[in-house]
Every structure is written in C-alpha cells, then in structure tokens.
C-alpha cells in the first residue's frame, strides 16, 4: 500500500511540474517566440539532465544506439508542446491550457495502452475508460468556456 501511495504522490509531483512549467513556457514563448522558448527550455533541461546523469554514474547512456529511431526523436513533442502553450496560455489562461494538455495526454495514454505501444502493457479501452474520457472532455469544456 505504501508503494502505491508513493507512486501516486510521484505522479502528482510530475503533474505539478507540468502545471508550473506550462504557463512559464507559454509566457516565455509568447515573449520571445515559440522556437526560442523551446530552445531555452530544452537547454536548461539538458543541463539539469546532464548533472543528474553524472550524479547517477552515467546510468546506461552508452546503450543509446540500441534505441529505436523514434525514441531519439521524442524531443520534437516538447517543441510541439511549447509552441502550443505559447498560443493557448495567453488566450485561455494557465488552467484552461493545462486542462487541454492533460486531457490530450490522457487520450494519448489510452491509445498507447490499447495497443501496447512503446513497450507499455496492454490495457484495453472499456466502457469505464470511455466514460472517464467523456467526463474529462466535459470538465475541459467547463474549464475552457
């Protein structure tokens, strides 16, 4: 039970990180341009990741060549996110923009689960999960309107 609570807490921390990063990145992109904001965001993330990688003894970085090509291109999604936030945060506000990002993430996650993409265990879409998406979309509508 403790492990489950810890995993849920970690997930919430990740959500808080996205919640704070999103309006900051959106505002930065609005001020200096989406690509420039994405560059700064990814550069600072690269520096922080490098420091953590060094602290962890390099982990398995030497095996990067064994990764599928699409994993090496996954940073493109960060660019898409920053460009999206630079347009949605100033127009809709932080909460609405984050709501749309989270709903998009959950729908994407369900697609990934359904087909077991990227080595994720298959978790089929059932009526309960469809109802959850409908409720999320209703909540997003209420948040954005």
N, C-alpha and C. Protein backbone atom coordinates (compact mmCIF):
# COMPACT_ATOMS: atom_id res chain seq x y z
N UNK A 1 0.83 -1.20 0.00
CA UNK A 1 0.00 0.00 0.00
C UNK A 1 0.86 1.26 0.00
N UNK A 2 1.93 1.25 0.81
CA UNK A 2 2.81 2.42 0.86
C UNK A 2 3.43 2.70 -0.50
N UNK A 3 3.83 1.63 -1.19
CA UNK A 3 4.44 1.79 -2.51
C UNK A 3 3.45 2.44 -3.48
N UNK A 4 2.18 2.02 -3.41
CA UNK A 4 1.15 2.59 -4.26
C UNK A 4 0.97 4.08 -3.97
N UNK A 5 0.90 4.44 -2.71
CA UNK A 5 0.75 5.84 -2.31
C UNK A 5 1.95 6.65 -2.79
N UNK A 6 3.14 6.08 -2.68
CA UNK A 6 4.35 6.76 -3.13
C UNK A 6 4.31 6.99 -4.65
N UNK A 7 3.88 5.99 -5.39
CA UNK A 7 3.80 6.13 -6.85
C UNK A 7 2.77 7.20 -7.22
N UNK A 8 1.62 7.21 -6.54
CA UNK A 8 0.61 8.23 -6.80
C UNK A 8 1.16 9.62 -6.47
N UNK A 9 1.87 9.75 -5.35
CA UNK A 9 2.47 11.03 -4.98
C UNK A 9 3.49 11.49 -6.03
N UNK A 10 4.28 10.55 -6.51
CA UNK A 10 5.24 10.90 -7.58
C UNK A 10 4.51 11.38 -8.83
N UNK A 11 3.43 10.70 -9.18
CA UNK A 11 2.64 11.13 -10.33
C UNK A 11 2.09 12.53 -10.16
N UNK A 12 1.61 12.83 -8.96
CA UNK A 12 1.10 14.16 -8.68
C UNK A 12 2.21 15.21 -8.75
N UNK A 13 3.41 14.85 -8.29
CA UNK A 13 4.55 15.77 -8.40
C UNK A 13 4.86 16.06 -9.87
N UNK A 14 4.81 15.03 -10.70
CA UNK A 14 5.01 15.25 -12.13
C UNK A 14 3.95 16.16 -12.71
N UNK A 15 2.72 15.97 -12.27
CA UNK A 15 1.64 16.84 -12.72
C UNK A 15 1.83 18.28 -12.27
N UNK A 16 2.31 18.46 -11.04
CA UNK A 16 2.61 19.82 -10.56
C UNK A 16 3.72 20.44 -11.39
N UNK A 17 4.73 19.63 -11.74
CA UNK A 17 5.82 20.15 -12.56
C UNK A 17 5.29 20.63 -13.91
N UNK A 18 4.43 19.85 -14.53
CA UNK A 18 3.84 20.26 -15.81
C UNK A 18 2.95 21.49 -15.59
N UNK A 19 2.25 21.51 -14.46
CA UNK A 19 1.38 22.64 -14.16
C UNK A 19 2.13 23.95 -14.01
N UNK A 20 3.33 23.89 -13.47
CA UNK A 20 4.15 25.10 -13.34
C UNK A 20 4.92 25.39 -14.62
N UNK A 21 5.42 24.34 -15.26
CA UNK A 21 6.21 24.54 -16.48
C UNK A 21 5.36 25.10 -17.62
N UNK A 22 4.13 24.63 -17.74
CA UNK A 22 3.30 25.01 -18.88
C UNK A 22 3.07 26.52 -18.99
N UNK A 23 2.58 27.19 -17.94
CA UNK A 23 2.38 28.63 -18.09
C UNK A 23 3.69 29.40 -18.23
N UNK A 24 4.75 28.91 -17.58
CA UNK A 24 6.05 29.58 -17.73
C UNK A 24 6.54 29.47 -19.17
N UNK A 25 6.44 28.26 -19.74
CA UNK A 25 6.87 28.05 -21.12
C UNK A 25 5.98 28.81 -22.08
N UNK A 26 4.68 28.83 -21.82
CA UNK A 26 3.77 29.57 -22.69
C UNK A 26 4.06 31.06 -22.68
N UNK A 27 4.30 31.61 -21.51
CA UNK A 27 4.62 33.02 -21.40
C UNK A 27 5.95 33.34 -22.07
N UNK A 28 6.93 32.46 -21.86
CA UNK A 28 8.24 32.67 -22.49
C UNK A 28 8.11 32.61 -24.00
N UNK A 29 7.37 31.63 -24.51
CA UNK A 29 7.18 31.52 -25.95
C UNK A 29 6.44 32.71 -26.52
N UNK A 30 5.49 33.24 -25.76
CA UNK A 30 4.74 34.42 -26.20
C UNK A 30 5.65 35.65 -26.25
N UNK A 31 6.61 35.74 -25.33
CA UNK A 31 7.50 36.90 -25.26
C UNK A 31 8.63 36.86 -26.29
N UNK A 32 9.23 35.67 -26.47
CA UNK A 32 10.43 35.61 -27.33
C UNK A 32 10.26 34.71 -28.55
N UNK A 33 9.09 34.08 -28.68
CA UNK A 33 8.82 33.18 -29.79
C UNK A 33 8.84 31.73 -29.31
N UNK A 34 8.00 30.92 -29.94
CA UNK A 34 7.85 29.53 -29.52
C UNK A 34 9.11 28.71 -29.67
N UNK A 35 9.79 28.85 -30.82
CA UNK A 35 11.01 28.07 -31.03
C UNK A 35 12.11 28.51 -30.07
N UNK A 36 12.22 29.83 -29.84
CA UNK A 36 13.24 30.34 -28.92
C UNK A 36 12.94 29.87 -27.49
N UNK A 37 11.67 29.91 -27.11
CA UNK A 37 11.29 29.44 -25.78
C UNK A 37 11.56 27.95 -25.62
N UNK A 38 11.26 27.19 -26.66
CA UNK A 38 11.53 25.75 -26.62
C UNK A 38 13.03 25.48 -26.50
N UNK A 39 13.83 26.25 -27.21
CA UNK A 39 15.28 26.07 -27.14
C UNK A 39 15.79 26.31 -25.72
N UNK A 40 15.33 27.39 -25.09
CA UNK A 40 15.77 27.71 -23.74
C UNK A 40 15.29 26.63 -22.76
N UNK A 41 14.04 26.22 -22.90
CA UNK A 41 13.51 25.19 -22.03
C UNK A 41 14.31 23.90 -22.16
N UNK A 42 14.58 23.48 -23.39
CA UNK A 42 15.30 22.23 -23.59
C UNK A 42 16.78 22.35 -23.20
N UNK A 43 17.36 23.53 -23.39
CA UNK A 43 18.75 23.72 -22.97
C UNK A 43 18.87 23.60 -21.45
N UNK A 44 17.96 24.25 -20.74
CA UNK A 44 18.01 24.16 -19.27
C UNK A 44 17.73 22.72 -18.83
N UNK A 45 16.82 22.04 -19.52
CA UNK A 45 16.55 20.64 -19.21
C UNK A 45 17.74 19.75 -19.51
N UNK A 46 18.48 20.08 -20.58
CA UNK A 46 19.67 19.31 -20.92
C UNK A 46 20.73 19.46 -19.85
N UNK A 47 20.91 20.67 -19.38
CA UNK A 47 21.92 20.92 -18.33
C UNK A 47 21.53 20.19 -17.04
N UNK A 48 20.25 20.27 -16.66
CA UNK A 48 19.80 19.58 -15.45
C UNK A 48 19.91 18.06 -15.62
N UNK A 49 19.56 17.56 -16.80
CA UNK A 49 19.66 16.11 -17.05
C UNK A 49 21.10 15.64 -17.02
N UNK A 50 22.00 16.45 -17.57
CA UNK A 50 23.42 16.09 -17.57
C UNK A 50 23.95 16.02 -16.15
N UNK A 51 23.58 16.98 -15.32
CA UNK A 51 24.03 16.97 -13.92
C UNK A 51 23.51 15.72 -13.21
N UNK A 52 22.24 15.39 -13.43
CA UNK A 52 21.66 14.20 -12.80
C UNK A 52 22.31 12.92 -13.35
N UNK A 53 22.57 12.90 -14.64
CA UNK A 53 23.21 11.74 -15.26
C UNK A 53 24.60 11.51 -14.68
N UNK A 54 25.35 12.58 -14.50
CA UNK A 54 26.69 12.47 -13.89
C UNK A 54 26.56 11.98 -12.45
N UNK A 55 25.60 12.54 -11.71
CA UNK A 55 25.40 12.12 -10.32
C UNK A 55 25.01 10.65 -10.22
N UNK A 56 24.36 10.12 -11.23
CA UNK A 56 23.93 8.72 -11.23
C UNK A 56 24.93 7.80 -11.92
N UNK A 57 26.09 8.29 -12.18
CA UNK A 57 27.14 7.45 -12.76
C UNK A 57 26.95 7.09 -14.21
N UNK A 58 26.19 7.88 -14.94
CA UNK A 58 26.01 7.64 -16.37
C UNK A 58 24.88 6.71 -16.73
N UNK A 59 24.29 6.04 -15.74
CA UNK A 59 23.23 5.07 -15.97
C UNK A 59 23.62 4.15 -17.13
N UNK A 60 22.79 4.03 -18.15
CA UNK A 60 23.09 3.17 -19.31
C UNK A 60 23.18 3.99 -20.59
N UNK A 61 23.70 5.21 -20.48
CA UNK A 61 23.75 6.11 -21.63
C UNK A 61 24.52 5.50 -22.80
N UNK A 62 25.46 4.63 -22.52
CA UNK A 62 26.26 4.03 -23.58
C UNK A 62 25.43 3.14 -24.49
N UNK A 63 24.23 2.79 -24.10
CA UNK A 63 23.36 1.94 -24.92
C UNK A 63 22.39 2.74 -25.78
N UNK A 64 22.61 4.03 -25.92
CA UNK A 64 21.67 4.87 -26.66
C UNK A 64 21.51 4.43 -28.11
N UNK A 65 22.53 3.83 -28.69
CA UNK A 65 22.44 3.40 -30.09
C UNK A 65 21.45 2.25 -30.29
N UNK A 66 21.11 1.56 -29.23
CA UNK A 66 20.16 0.45 -29.35
C UNK A 66 18.70 0.91 -29.33
N UNK A 67 18.49 2.18 -29.08
CA UNK A 67 17.12 2.69 -29.03
C UNK A 67 16.52 2.78 -30.43
N UNK A 68 15.22 2.56 -30.56
CA UNK A 68 14.56 2.77 -31.86
C UNK A 68 14.66 4.23 -32.27
N UNK A 69 14.69 4.47 -33.56
CA UNK A 69 14.86 5.83 -34.09
C UNK A 69 13.82 6.80 -33.54
N UNK A 70 12.57 6.34 -33.39
CA UNK A 70 11.52 7.24 -32.95
C UNK A 70 11.73 7.73 -31.52
N UNK A 71 12.41 6.95 -30.70
CA UNK A 71 12.71 7.41 -29.34
C UNK A 71 13.74 8.53 -29.36
N UNK A 72 14.64 8.48 -30.32
CA UNK A 72 15.65 9.53 -30.44
C UNK A 72 15.04 10.85 -30.93
N UNK A 73 13.86 10.78 -31.46
CA UNK A 73 13.18 11.97 -31.99
C UNK A 73 12.09 12.49 -31.04
N UNK A 74 11.96 11.91 -29.87
CA UNK A 74 10.85 12.25 -28.98
C UNK A 74 10.88 13.69 -28.47
N UNK A 75 12.03 14.34 -28.55
CA UNK A 75 12.11 15.74 -28.13
C UNK A 75 11.25 16.67 -28.98
N UNK A 76 10.88 16.21 -30.18
CA UNK A 76 10.01 17.01 -31.06
C UNK A 76 8.69 17.29 -30.36
N UNK A 77 8.23 16.34 -29.55
CA UNK A 77 6.96 16.56 -28.84
C UNK A 77 7.08 17.71 -27.85
N UNK A 78 8.25 17.92 -27.28
CA UNK A 78 8.47 19.06 -26.41
C UNK A 78 8.32 20.37 -27.17
N UNK A 79 8.85 20.39 -28.39
CA UNK A 79 8.70 21.58 -29.24
C UNK A 79 7.22 21.83 -29.54
N UNK A 80 6.50 20.78 -29.88
CA UNK A 80 5.06 20.93 -30.15
C UNK A 80 4.35 21.47 -28.91
N UNK A 81 4.69 20.95 -27.75
CA UNK A 81 4.07 21.41 -26.52
C UNK A 81 4.33 22.89 -26.28
N UNK A 82 5.57 23.32 -26.42
CA UNK A 82 5.91 24.73 -26.17
C UNK A 82 5.22 25.64 -27.18
N UNK A 83 5.23 25.25 -28.44
CA UNK A 83 4.54 26.06 -29.45
C UNK A 83 3.05 26.14 -29.16
N UNK A 84 2.46 25.04 -28.72
CA UNK A 84 1.04 25.02 -28.37
C UNK A 84 0.77 25.92 -27.16
N UNK A 85 1.60 25.81 -26.14
CA UNK A 85 1.40 26.61 -24.93
C UNK A 85 1.59 28.10 -25.18
N UNK A 86 2.51 28.44 -26.09
CA UNK A 86 2.72 29.86 -26.37
C UNK A 86 1.49 30.49 -27.02
N UNK A 87 0.61 29.66 -27.58
CA UNK A 87 -0.63 30.17 -28.17
C UNK A 87 -1.82 30.06 -27.22
N UNK A 88 -1.87 28.99 -26.44
CA UNK A 88 -3.06 28.76 -25.61
C UNK A 88 -3.03 29.47 -24.26
N UNK A 89 -1.86 29.54 -23.61
CA UNK A 89 -1.80 30.16 -22.29
C UNK A 89 -2.21 31.64 -22.34
N UNK A 90 -1.67 32.46 -23.25
CA UNK A 90 -2.08 33.86 -23.26
C UNK A 90 -3.56 34.07 -23.60
N UNK A 91 -4.13 33.17 -24.38
CA UNK A 91 -5.52 33.34 -24.82
C UNK A 91 -6.54 32.71 -23.88
N UNK A 92 -6.18 31.59 -23.26
CA UNK A 92 -7.14 30.85 -22.45
C UNK A 92 -6.84 30.90 -20.96
N UNK A 93 -5.60 31.25 -20.60
CA UNK A 93 -5.18 31.20 -19.20
C UNK A 93 -4.49 29.88 -18.91
N UNK A 94 -3.77 29.85 -17.81
CA UNK A 94 -2.97 28.68 -17.46
C UNK A 94 -3.83 27.45 -17.19
N UNK A 95 -4.88 27.61 -16.40
CA UNK A 95 -5.70 26.44 -16.02
C UNK A 95 -6.36 25.80 -17.24
N UNK A 96 -6.90 26.60 -18.12
CA UNK A 96 -7.55 26.05 -19.31
C UNK A 96 -6.54 25.39 -20.23
N UNK A 97 -5.39 26.04 -20.44
CA UNK A 97 -4.36 25.46 -21.30
C UNK A 97 -3.86 24.13 -20.73
N UNK A 98 -3.62 24.10 -19.44
CA UNK A 98 -3.14 22.87 -18.80
C UNK A 98 -4.22 21.78 -18.87
N UNK A 99 -5.47 22.17 -18.69
CA UNK A 99 -6.56 21.21 -18.80
C UNK A 99 -6.55 20.53 -20.17
N UNK A 100 -6.39 21.32 -21.22
CA UNK A 100 -6.36 20.75 -22.57
C UNK A 100 -5.16 19.83 -22.76
N UNK A 101 -4.01 20.23 -22.21
CA UNK A 101 -2.81 19.39 -22.30
C UNK A 101 -3.03 18.07 -21.56
N UNK A 102 -3.60 18.14 -20.37
CA UNK A 102 -3.81 16.92 -19.59
C UNK A 102 -4.82 16.00 -20.28
N UNK A 103 -5.92 16.55 -20.78
CA UNK A 103 -6.90 15.72 -21.49
C UNK A 103 -6.25 15.09 -22.72
N UNK A 104 -5.46 15.86 -23.46
CA UNK A 104 -4.74 15.29 -24.60
C UNK A 104 -3.79 14.18 -24.19
N UNK A 105 -3.09 14.38 -23.07
CA UNK A 105 -2.18 13.35 -22.56
C UNK A 105 -2.94 12.07 -22.21
N UNK A 106 -4.07 12.23 -21.57
CA UNK A 106 -4.84 11.05 -21.15
C UNK A 106 -5.41 10.30 -22.35
N UNK A 107 -5.88 11.01 -23.35
CA UNK A 107 -6.37 10.35 -24.55
C UNK A 107 -5.22 9.64 -25.25
N UNK A 108 -4.08 10.31 -25.36
CA UNK A 108 -2.90 9.68 -25.94
C UNK A 108 -2.47 8.46 -25.15
N UNK A 109 -2.53 8.55 -23.84
CA UNK A 109 -2.18 7.43 -22.98
C UNK A 109 -3.10 6.24 -23.18
N UNK A 110 -4.38 6.52 -23.39
CA UNK A 110 -5.31 5.43 -23.63
C UNK A 110 -5.02 4.73 -24.96
N UNK A 111 -4.66 5.50 -25.96
CA UNK A 111 -4.31 4.90 -27.26
C UNK A 111 -3.06 4.04 -27.10
N UNK A 112 -2.08 4.56 -26.38
CA UNK A 112 -0.84 3.80 -26.14
C UNK A 112 -1.15 2.52 -25.38
N UNK A 113 -1.98 2.61 -24.33
CA UNK A 113 -2.36 1.43 -23.55
C UNK A 113 -3.11 0.41 -24.40
N UNK A 114 -4.04 0.88 -25.21
CA UNK A 114 -4.88 -0.02 -26.01
C UNK A 114 -4.04 -0.91 -26.92
N UNK A 115 -3.01 -0.34 -27.52
CA UNK A 115 -2.20 -1.08 -28.48
C UNK A 115 -0.86 -1.54 -27.92
N UNK A 116 -0.57 -1.22 -26.66
CA UNK A 116 0.69 -1.63 -26.07
C UNK A 116 1.90 -1.01 -26.74
N UNK A 117 1.76 0.23 -27.19
CA UNK A 117 2.86 0.91 -27.88
C UNK A 117 4.00 1.22 -26.91
N UNK A 118 5.19 1.30 -27.42
CA UNK A 118 6.39 1.71 -26.67
C UNK A 118 6.66 0.82 -25.46
N UNK A 119 6.41 -0.45 -25.59
CA UNK A 119 6.67 -1.44 -24.54
C UNK A 119 5.78 -1.28 -23.31
N UNK A 120 4.64 -0.65 -23.46
CA UNK A 120 3.70 -0.48 -22.36
C UNK A 120 2.77 -1.69 -22.33
N UNK A 121 2.42 -2.13 -21.14
CA UNK A 121 1.48 -3.25 -21.01
C UNK A 121 0.13 -2.85 -21.62
N UNK A 122 -0.50 -3.78 -22.32
CA UNK A 122 -1.80 -3.52 -22.94
C UNK A 122 -2.86 -3.39 -21.85
N UNK A 123 -3.63 -2.34 -21.98
CA UNK A 123 -4.80 -2.15 -21.12
C UNK A 123 -5.92 -1.66 -22.02
N UNK A 124 -6.83 -2.55 -22.33
CA UNK A 124 -7.84 -2.25 -23.35
C UNK A 124 -8.79 -1.15 -22.90
N UNK A 125 -9.31 -0.46 -23.91
CA UNK A 125 -10.29 0.58 -23.65
C UNK A 125 -11.64 -0.11 -23.43
N UNK A 126 -12.21 0.13 -22.27
CA UNK A 126 -13.50 -0.46 -21.94
C UNK A 126 -14.50 0.67 -21.67
N UNK A 127 -15.71 0.31 -21.35
CA UNK A 127 -16.77 1.29 -21.13
C UNK A 127 -16.42 2.27 -20.01
N UNK A 128 -15.80 1.79 -18.95
CA UNK A 128 -15.42 2.65 -17.83
C UNK A 128 -14.41 3.71 -18.28
N UNK A 129 -13.44 3.32 -19.08
CA UNK A 129 -12.43 4.28 -19.55
C UNK A 129 -13.03 5.26 -20.55
N UNK A 130 -13.96 4.80 -21.37
CA UNK A 130 -14.64 5.71 -22.30
C UNK A 130 -15.45 6.73 -21.51
N UNK A 131 -16.14 6.28 -20.47
CA UNK A 131 -16.89 7.20 -19.61
C UNK A 131 -15.96 8.21 -18.96
N UNK A 132 -14.78 7.76 -18.54
CA UNK A 132 -13.80 8.67 -17.95
C UNK A 132 -13.39 9.75 -18.95
N UNK A 133 -13.18 9.38 -20.21
CA UNK A 133 -12.82 10.37 -21.24
C UNK A 133 -13.97 11.35 -21.46
N UNK A 134 -15.19 10.84 -21.50
CA UNK A 134 -16.34 11.73 -21.67
C UNK A 134 -16.41 12.74 -20.52
N UNK A 135 -16.19 12.27 -19.30
CA UNK A 135 -16.20 13.18 -18.15
C UNK A 135 -15.05 14.19 -18.22
N UNK A 136 -13.88 13.72 -18.66
CA UNK A 136 -12.73 14.63 -18.82
C UNK A 136 -13.03 15.70 -19.86
N UNK A 137 -13.62 15.29 -20.97
CA UNK A 137 -13.98 16.26 -22.01
C UNK A 137 -15.02 17.25 -21.51
N UNK A 138 -15.98 16.77 -20.73
CA UNK A 138 -16.97 17.68 -20.14
C UNK A 138 -16.29 18.66 -19.19
N UNK A 139 -15.38 18.17 -18.38
CA UNK A 139 -14.63 19.04 -17.48
C UNK A 139 -13.78 20.04 -18.25
N UNK A 140 -13.15 19.61 -19.32
CA UNK A 140 -12.36 20.52 -20.15
C UNK A 140 -13.24 21.60 -20.76
N UNK A 141 -14.41 21.21 -21.22
CA UNK A 141 -15.35 22.18 -21.78
C UNK A 141 -15.72 23.23 -20.73
N UNK A 142 -16.03 22.78 -19.53
CA UNK A 142 -16.41 23.72 -18.47
C UNK A 142 -15.24 24.63 -18.09
N UNK A 143 -14.02 24.10 -18.14
CA UNK A 143 -12.83 24.89 -17.79
C UNK A 143 -12.53 25.93 -18.86
N UNK A 144 -12.68 25.57 -20.11
CA UNK A 144 -12.26 26.44 -21.22
C UNK A 144 -13.30 27.49 -21.56
N UNK A 145 -14.57 27.18 -21.40
CA UNK A 145 -15.61 28.11 -21.88
C UNK A 145 -15.66 29.41 -21.14
